Amino acid sequence: MTLKGNWAYHSWMAFLAVLVVSGGFAYWRQFTEGLILTNMRDQVSWAFYIGNFTFLVGVAAAAVLLVIPAYVYNWKPIREIAIFG
């Protein structure tokens, strides 16, 4: 089996693999030791997660507002940008 790609590709894949493994380790540590790792107590145990959730709802709304003029009104200049969303 031969892996195709240059050194930049393999470096990027290795970096992403390290990122995934470190995220899994952080999740496991929080699961076993509790929310004290995130410096949250009983009163605000949801703060970080709800904050991220509301931020991503805003990102999704912005993506919808970008796609509407591109496809509904067939506006060509923004259609190329909407592909990335």
Protein backbone atom coordinates (compact mmCIF):
# COMPACT_ATOMS: atom_id res chain seq x y z
CA MET A 1 0.00 0.00 0.00
CA THR A 2 1.40 3.36 -1.04
CA LEU A 3 0.30 6.61 0.54
CA LYS A 4 0.13 9.47 -1.92
CA GLY A 5 0.85 13.06 -1.01
CA ASN A 6 3.74 15.35 -0.30
CA TRP A 7 5.30 16.17 3.07
CA ALA A 8 2.87 19.06 3.72
CA TYR A 9 -0.12 16.75 3.32
CA HIS A 10 1.31 14.14 5.66
CA SER A 11 2.31 16.80 8.18
CA TRP A 12 -1.21 18.23 8.11
CA MET A 13 -2.77 14.79 8.56
CA ALA A 14 -0.43 14.05 11.48
CA PHE A 15 -1.35 17.38 13.09
CA LEU A 16 -5.07 16.63 12.70
CA ALA A 17 -4.59 13.15 14.14
CA VAL A 18 -2.80 14.61 17.18
CA LEU A 19 -5.64 17.13 17.55
CA VAL A 20 -8.27 14.38 17.47
CA VAL A 21 -6.39 12.24 19.98
CA SER A 22 -5.84 15.17 22.35
CA GLY A 23 -9.54 16.09 22.10
CA GLY A 24 -10.51 12.51 22.89
CA PHE A 25 -8.14 12.49 25.85
CA ALA A 26 -9.60 15.77 27.15
CA TYR A 27 -13.13 14.39 26.79
CA TRP A 28 -12.18 11.20 28.62
CA ARG A 29 -10.52 13.20 31.41
CA GLN A 30 -13.56 15.41 31.85
CA PHE A 31 -15.82 12.36 31.81
CA THR A 32 -13.81 10.60 34.54
CA GLU A 33 -12.88 13.59 36.73
CA GLY A 34 -15.95 15.76 36.26
CA LEU A 35 -16.60 19.35 35.27
CA ILE A 36 -14.06 20.66 37.78
CA LEU A 37 -11.54 20.46 34.93
CA THR A 38 -13.38 23.21 33.07
CA ASN A 39 -13.46 25.37 36.23
CA MET A 40 -17.24 25.09 36.43
CA ARG A 41 -19.26 24.25 39.51
CA ASP A 42 -22.82 23.02 40.06
CA GLN A 43 -24.33 26.45 39.43
CA VAL A 44 -22.85 26.95 35.96
CA SER A 45 -22.05 23.46 34.71
CA TRP A 46 -23.71 24.23 31.38
CA ALA A 47 -22.15 27.63 30.63
CA PHE A 48 -19.42 26.66 28.17
CA TYR A 49 -21.60 24.23 26.24
CA ILE A 50 -24.62 26.53 25.96
CA GLY A 51 -22.34 29.39 24.92
CA ASN A 52 -20.89 27.32 22.09
CA PHE A 53 -24.34 26.10 21.08
CA THR A 54 -25.73 29.62 20.76
CA PHE A 55 -22.64 30.74 18.83
CA LEU A 56 -23.06 27.89 16.33
CA VAL A 57 -26.76 28.70 15.93
CA GLY A 58 -25.66 32.18 14.84
CA VAL A 59 -23.13 30.70 12.42
CA ALA A 60 -25.84 28.52 10.89
CA ALA A 61 -28.17 31.52 10.53
CA ALA A 62 -25.42 33.46 8.78
CA ALA A 63 -24.86 30.56 6.39
CA VAL A 64 -28.56 30.50 5.53
CA LEU A 65 -28.54 34.25 4.90
CA LEU A 66 -25.58 33.77 2.58
CA VAL A 67 -27.20 30.94 0.62
CA ILE A 68 -30.60 32.61 0.09
CA PRO A 69 -29.47 35.35 -2.33
CA ALA A 70 -27.10 32.96 -4.07
CA TYR A 71 -29.63 30.30 -5.01
CA VAL A 72 -33.09 31.81 -4.67
CA TYR A 73 -32.28 34.99 -6.59
CA ASN A 74 -29.56 33.37 -8.71
CA TRP A 75 -27.02 36.01 -7.73
CA LYS A 76 -23.81 34.79 -9.34
CA PRO A 77 -21.12 36.82 -7.49
CA ILE A 78 -22.07 35.39 -4.12
CA ARG A 79 -22.70 31.85 -5.38
CA GLU A 80 -18.97 31.11 -5.42
CA ILE A 81 -18.69 32.18 -1.78
CA ALA A 82 -21.77 30.18 -0.73
CA ILE A 83 -20.12 26.95 -1.87
CA PHE A 84 -17.66 27.26 1.03
CA GLY A 85 -20.52 27.57 3.55
